[in-house]
Amino acid sequence: MAGRPPTLVHDETTPITPLGGTRAQAVQRLQVGLSLLLGIVLIVGLANVIEDRAKQSDKAAVPDAASTVAPSPASTANDPLADAGVVPDLPAETAQATGTPAAVDLEPEDGQ
């Protein structure tokens, strides 16, 4: 039958032990459980203290300061690609006057 628990066979050679173990084993399990619980509480408390100290140090920190060095003006004459030889050099007067590359005239000038 499925609903009936199996019967325990007891003979004189097998000692009878309760399912929970002896009293000493129960006390040991209780001690281990309580010490683990205490350890977890200590770890959470330590994490809370660390977080509070981090918040205090963030409040006391100086905000990001502005740069004390004036930025150099961007120069169109210094083109790193042109210096590396990747693109051809543009005429200096055209590039500086417009700030854009010079337009190339593809039409012949004589009108043919």
N, C-alpha and C. Protein backbone atom coordinates (compact mmCIF):
# COMPACT_ATOMS: atom_id res chain seq x y z
N MET A 1 0.83 -1.18 0.00
CA MET A 1 0.00 0.00 0.00
C MET A 1 0.88 1.25 0.00
N ALA A 2 0.45 2.26 -0.72
CA ALA A 2 1.26 3.45 -0.87
C ALA A 2 1.17 4.37 0.34
N GLY A 3 0.06 4.38 1.04
CA GLY A 3 -0.14 5.30 2.15
C GLY A 3 0.41 4.80 3.47
N ARG A 4 0.82 3.55 3.52
CA ARG A 4 1.26 2.97 4.78
C ARG A 4 2.79 3.03 4.87
N PRO A 5 3.36 3.59 5.94
CA PRO A 5 4.82 3.66 6.05
C PRO A 5 5.39 2.27 6.29
N PRO A 6 6.63 2.07 5.86
CA PRO A 6 7.23 0.75 6.07
C PRO A 6 7.46 0.50 7.56
N THR A 7 7.32 -0.73 7.95
CA THR A 7 7.53 -1.08 9.35
C THR A 7 9.01 -1.32 9.57
N LEU A 8 9.49 -0.87 10.72
CA LEU A 8 10.89 -1.04 11.05
C LEU A 8 11.10 -2.38 11.71
N VAL A 9 12.05 -3.10 11.19
CA VAL A 9 12.36 -4.40 11.77
C VAL A 9 13.47 -4.18 12.79
N HIS A 10 13.25 -4.65 13.98
CA HIS A 10 14.24 -4.46 15.04
C HIS A 10 14.68 -5.82 15.54
N ASP A 11 15.97 -5.99 15.51
CA ASP A 11 16.52 -7.19 16.15
C ASP A 11 17.48 -6.75 17.24
N GLU A 12 17.99 -7.67 17.98
CA GLU A 12 18.81 -7.34 19.13
C GLU A 12 20.18 -6.80 18.75
N THR A 13 20.67 -7.00 17.51
CA THR A 13 22.01 -6.54 17.12
C THR A 13 22.01 -5.07 16.69
N THR A 14 20.87 -4.53 16.28
CA THR A 14 20.80 -3.14 15.83
C THR A 14 20.40 -2.25 17.00
N PRO A 15 21.23 -1.22 17.31
CA PRO A 15 20.84 -0.33 18.41
C PRO A 15 19.73 0.61 17.97
N ILE A 16 18.88 0.98 18.89
CA ILE A 16 17.80 1.91 18.59
C ILE A 16 18.34 3.33 18.78
N THR A 17 18.27 4.12 17.71
CA THR A 17 18.70 5.52 17.79
C THR A 17 17.55 6.39 17.31
N PRO A 18 17.31 7.49 17.98
CA PRO A 18 16.24 8.37 17.53
C PRO A 18 16.62 9.04 16.21
N LEU A 19 15.62 9.47 15.43
CA LEU A 19 15.89 10.09 14.14
C LEU A 19 16.66 11.40 14.28
N GLY A 20 16.49 12.12 15.36
CA GLY A 20 17.18 13.38 15.58
C GLY A 20 18.59 13.20 16.10
N GLY A 21 19.03 12.02 16.36
CA GLY A 21 20.36 11.78 16.90
C GLY A 21 20.35 11.89 18.42
N THR A 22 21.52 11.83 18.97
CA THR A 22 21.63 11.93 20.43
C THR A 22 21.53 13.39 20.85
N ARG A 23 21.44 13.58 22.15
CA ARG A 23 21.34 14.95 22.67
C ARG A 23 22.60 15.74 22.37
N ALA A 24 23.75 15.14 22.43
CA ALA A 24 25.02 15.83 22.13
C ALA A 24 25.06 16.28 20.67
N GLN A 25 24.55 15.44 19.76
CA GLN A 25 24.52 15.81 18.35
C GLN A 25 23.56 16.97 18.10
N ALA A 26 22.44 16.98 18.79
CA ALA A 26 21.48 18.07 18.65
C ALA A 26 22.07 19.38 19.16
N VAL A 27 22.79 19.31 20.28
CA VAL A 27 23.43 20.52 20.83
C VAL A 27 24.50 21.02 19.87
N GLN A 28 25.26 20.09 19.28
CA GLN A 28 26.30 20.49 18.33
C GLN A 28 25.68 21.16 17.10
N ARG A 29 24.60 20.60 16.57
CA ARG A 29 23.92 21.22 15.42
C ARG A 29 23.39 22.60 15.77
N LEU A 30 22.87 22.76 16.97
CA LEU A 30 22.38 24.05 17.42
C LEU A 30 23.52 25.06 17.54
N GLN A 31 24.65 24.64 18.06
CA GLN A 31 25.81 25.52 18.18
C GLN A 31 26.32 25.95 16.80
N VAL A 32 26.40 25.03 15.88
CA VAL A 32 26.88 25.36 14.53
C VAL A 32 25.91 26.33 13.86
N GLY A 33 24.62 26.08 13.98
CA GLY A 33 23.63 26.96 13.37
C GLY A 33 23.68 28.36 13.94
N LEU A 34 23.79 28.46 15.26
CA LEU A 34 23.84 29.78 15.90
C LEU A 34 25.14 30.52 15.56
N SER A 35 26.25 29.79 15.48
CA SER A 35 27.51 30.45 15.14
C SER A 35 27.48 30.93 13.69
N LEU A 36 26.88 30.18 12.79
CA LEU A 36 26.75 30.64 11.40
C LEU A 36 25.85 31.86 11.32
N LEU A 37 24.76 31.86 12.07
CA LEU A 37 23.87 33.00 12.08
C LEU A 37 24.57 34.24 12.64
N LEU A 38 25.35 34.07 13.69
CA LEU A 38 26.11 35.17 14.27
C LEU A 38 27.14 35.70 13.26
N GLY A 39 27.79 34.80 12.54
CA GLY A 39 28.76 35.21 11.52
C GLY A 39 28.12 36.03 10.42
N ILE A 40 26.94 35.63 9.98
CA ILE A 40 26.24 36.38 8.93
C ILE A 40 25.85 37.76 9.44
N VAL A 41 25.38 37.85 10.68
CA VAL A 41 25.02 39.14 11.25
C VAL A 41 26.25 40.04 11.34
N LEU A 42 27.40 39.50 11.71
CA LEU A 42 28.62 40.29 11.79
C LEU A 42 29.06 40.77 10.40
N ILE A 43 28.95 39.94 9.40
CA ILE A 43 29.34 40.33 8.04
C ILE A 43 28.43 41.44 7.53
N VAL A 44 27.13 41.33 7.76
CA VAL A 44 26.20 42.37 7.31
C VAL A 44 26.48 43.67 8.06
N GLY A 45 26.76 43.59 9.34
CA GLY A 45 27.09 44.79 10.11
C GLY A 45 28.37 45.45 9.62
N LEU A 46 29.38 44.65 9.31
CA LEU A 46 30.63 45.19 8.78
C LEU A 46 30.41 45.87 7.43
N ALA A 47 29.60 45.26 6.58
CA ALA A 47 29.30 45.86 5.28
C ALA A 47 28.57 47.19 5.47
N ASN A 48 27.69 47.27 6.44
CA ASN A 48 26.96 48.51 6.72
C ASN A 48 27.92 49.60 7.19
N VAL A 49 28.86 49.25 8.05
CA VAL A 49 29.84 50.24 8.53
C VAL A 49 30.70 50.73 7.38
N ILE A 50 31.14 49.84 6.51
CA ILE A 50 31.97 50.23 5.36
C ILE A 50 31.19 51.15 4.45
N GLU A 51 29.92 50.85 4.21
CA GLU A 51 29.10 51.69 3.34
C GLU A 51 28.89 53.08 3.95
N ASP A 52 28.67 53.15 5.26
CA ASP A 52 28.50 54.45 5.92
C ASP A 52 29.77 55.28 5.83
N ARG A 53 30.93 54.66 6.02
CA ARG A 53 32.19 55.39 5.92
C ARG A 53 32.43 55.88 4.50
N ALA A 54 32.06 55.08 3.52
CA ALA A 54 32.23 55.50 2.13
C ALA A 54 31.33 56.71 1.83
N LYS A 55 30.11 56.72 2.35
CA LYS A 55 29.22 57.86 2.15
C LYS A 55 29.77 59.11 2.82
N GLN A 56 30.34 58.96 4.02
CA GLN A 56 30.93 60.10 4.72
C GLN A 56 32.12 60.67 3.95
N SER A 57 32.96 59.81 3.42
CA SER A 57 34.13 60.29 2.68
C SER A 57 33.72 60.93 1.36
N ASP A 58 32.62 60.46 0.75
CA ASP A 58 32.13 61.09 -0.48
C ASP A 58 31.60 62.49 -0.19
N LYS A 59 30.95 62.68 0.96
CA LYS A 59 30.44 64.00 1.32
C LYS A 59 31.58 64.97 1.61
N ALA A 60 32.66 64.47 2.19
CA ALA A 60 33.78 65.33 2.56
C ALA A 60 34.72 65.60 1.40
N ALA A 61 34.61 64.87 0.33
CA ALA A 61 35.53 65.02 -0.80
C ALA A 61 35.25 66.32 -1.54
N VAL A 62 36.31 66.88 -2.10
CA VAL A 62 36.20 68.10 -2.88
C VAL A 62 35.65 67.73 -4.25
N PRO A 63 34.68 68.49 -4.74
CA PRO A 63 34.15 68.17 -6.07
C PRO A 63 35.24 68.34 -7.14
N ASP A 64 35.00 67.77 -8.27
CA ASP A 64 35.99 67.83 -9.35
C ASP A 64 36.29 69.29 -9.69
N ALA A 65 37.55 69.63 -9.61
CA ALA A 65 37.97 71.00 -9.88
C ALA A 65 38.08 71.23 -11.37
N ALA A 66 37.94 72.47 -11.75
CA ALA A 66 38.10 72.84 -13.16
C ALA A 66 39.57 72.79 -13.51
N SER A 67 39.85 72.66 -14.76
CA SER A 67 41.22 72.59 -15.22
C SER A 67 41.91 73.93 -14.98
N THR A 68 43.14 73.90 -14.47
CA THR A 68 43.88 75.13 -14.23
C THR A 68 44.71 75.53 -15.43
N VAL A 69 44.84 74.66 -16.39
CA VAL A 69 45.61 74.96 -17.59
C VAL A 69 44.63 75.31 -18.70
N ALA A 70 44.89 76.43 -19.36
CA ALA A 70 44.01 76.84 -20.45
C ALA A 70 44.24 75.92 -21.65
N PRO A 71 43.17 75.47 -22.27
CA PRO A 71 43.35 74.58 -23.42
C PRO A 71 43.94 75.35 -24.59
N SER A 72 44.78 74.68 -25.33
CA SER A 72 45.39 75.33 -26.49
C SER A 72 44.35 75.40 -27.61
N PRO A 73 44.35 76.49 -28.35
CA PRO A 73 43.36 76.61 -29.43
C PRO A 73 43.61 75.56 -30.50
N ALA A 74 42.53 75.04 -31.02
CA ALA A 74 42.65 74.02 -32.05
C ALA A 74 43.14 74.68 -33.33
N SER A 75 44.14 74.13 -33.87
CA SER A 75 44.73 74.70 -35.08
C SER A 75 44.43 73.79 -36.25
N THR A 76 43.95 74.36 -37.34
CA THR A 76 43.68 73.56 -38.53
C THR A 76 44.95 73.27 -39.29
N ALA A 77 46.03 74.01 -38.99
CA ALA A 77 47.28 73.79 -39.70
C ALA A 77 47.93 72.49 -39.25
N ASN A 78 47.69 72.07 -38.03
CA ASN A 78 48.28 70.84 -37.52
C ASN A 78 47.29 69.71 -37.74
N ASP A 79 47.42 69.04 -38.84
CA ASP A 79 46.54 67.92 -39.17
C ASP A 79 47.34 66.64 -38.98
N PRO A 80 47.01 65.81 -38.01
CA PRO A 80 47.82 64.61 -37.77
C PRO A 80 47.79 63.64 -38.95
N LEU A 81 46.68 63.59 -39.69
CA LEU A 81 46.65 62.69 -40.84
C LEU A 81 47.59 63.19 -41.93
N ALA A 82 47.61 64.50 -42.14
CA ALA A 82 48.51 65.06 -43.14
C ALA A 82 49.96 64.90 -42.70
N ASP A 83 50.22 65.04 -41.40
CA ASP A 83 51.58 64.86 -40.90
C ASP A 83 52.04 63.42 -41.07
N ALA A 84 51.12 62.48 -40.93
CA ALA A 84 51.48 61.08 -41.07
C ALA A 84 51.56 60.66 -42.53
N GLY A 85 51.10 61.50 -43.44
CA GLY A 85 51.18 61.19 -44.86
C GLY A 85 49.99 60.40 -45.36
N VAL A 86 48.91 60.37 -44.61
CA VAL A 86 47.74 59.61 -45.01
C VAL A 86 46.92 60.38 -46.04
N VAL A 87 46.79 61.68 -45.85
CA VAL A 87 46.05 62.51 -46.80
C VAL A 87 47.01 63.54 -47.37
N PRO A 88 46.76 64.01 -48.57
CA PRO A 88 47.66 65.02 -49.14
C PRO A 88 47.51 66.34 -48.40
N ASP A 89 48.59 67.12 -48.37
CA ASP A 89 48.56 68.44 -47.75
C ASP A 89 47.70 69.37 -48.58
N LEU A 90 46.93 70.18 -47.90
CA LEU A 90 46.10 71.18 -48.56
C LEU A 90 46.85 72.50 -48.60
N PRO A 91 46.53 73.34 -49.54
CA PRO A 91 47.14 74.66 -49.51
C PRO A 91 46.80 75.36 -48.20
N ALA A 92 47.77 75.98 -47.60
CA ALA A 92 47.60 76.58 -46.27
C ALA A 92 46.59 77.70 -46.29
N GLU A 93 46.59 78.56 -47.33
CA GLU A 93 45.68 79.68 -47.32
C GLU A 93 44.23 79.24 -47.52
N THR A 94 43.97 78.19 -48.30
CA THR A 94 42.61 77.71 -48.51
C THR A 94 42.07 77.01 -47.27
N ALA A 95 42.90 76.17 -46.67
CA ALA A 95 42.44 75.40 -45.50
C ALA A 95 42.20 76.31 -44.31
N GLN A 96 43.03 77.34 -44.13
CA GLN A 96 42.87 78.21 -42.98
C GLN A 96 41.73 79.20 -43.19
N ALA A 97 41.52 79.62 -44.43
CA ALA A 97 40.48 80.62 -44.68
C ALA A 97 39.09 80.03 -44.51
N THR A 98 38.86 78.85 -45.03
CA THR A 98 37.52 78.27 -44.97
C THR A 98 37.36 77.27 -43.86
N GLY A 99 38.43 76.67 -43.43
CA GLY A 99 38.34 75.64 -42.40
C GLY A 99 37.90 74.31 -42.98
N THR A 100 37.69 74.26 -44.31
CA THR A 100 37.28 73.02 -44.97
C THR A 100 38.26 72.73 -46.09
N PRO A 101 38.30 71.51 -46.58
CA PRO A 101 39.20 71.22 -47.68
C PRO A 101 38.82 72.01 -48.92
N ALA A 102 39.80 72.34 -49.73
CA ALA A 102 39.57 73.12 -50.95
C ALA A 102 38.79 72.28 -51.95
N ALA A 103 37.86 72.94 -52.66
CA ALA A 103 37.06 72.25 -53.67
C ALA A 103 37.91 72.06 -54.92
N VAL A 104 37.77 70.89 -55.53
CA VAL A 104 38.53 70.59 -56.73
C VAL A 104 37.63 70.83 -57.93
N ASP A 105 38.13 71.60 -58.88
CA ASP A 105 37.36 71.91 -60.08
C ASP A 105 37.62 70.82 -61.11
N LEU A 106 36.60 70.04 -61.43
CA LEU A 106 36.75 68.94 -62.38
C LEU A 106 36.46 69.37 -63.81
N GLU A 107 35.92 70.56 -64.02
CA GLU A 107 35.59 71.07 -65.36
C GLU A 107 36.85 71.68 -65.97
N PRO A 108 37.05 71.51 -67.24
CA PRO A 108 38.18 72.18 -67.87
C PRO A 108 37.93 73.69 -67.91
N GLU A 109 38.98 74.45 -67.76
CA GLU A 109 38.84 75.91 -67.66
C GLU A 109 38.57 76.58 -68.99
N ASP A 110 38.91 75.98 -70.10
CA ASP A 110 38.74 76.65 -71.38
C ASP A 110 37.32 76.55 -71.91
N GLY A 111 36.44 75.82 -71.24
CA GLY A 111 35.04 75.77 -71.60
C GLY A 111 34.74 74.72 -72.66
N GLN A 112 35.63 73.85 -72.98
CA GLN A 112 35.39 72.83 -74.00
C GLN A 112 34.61 71.67 -73.48
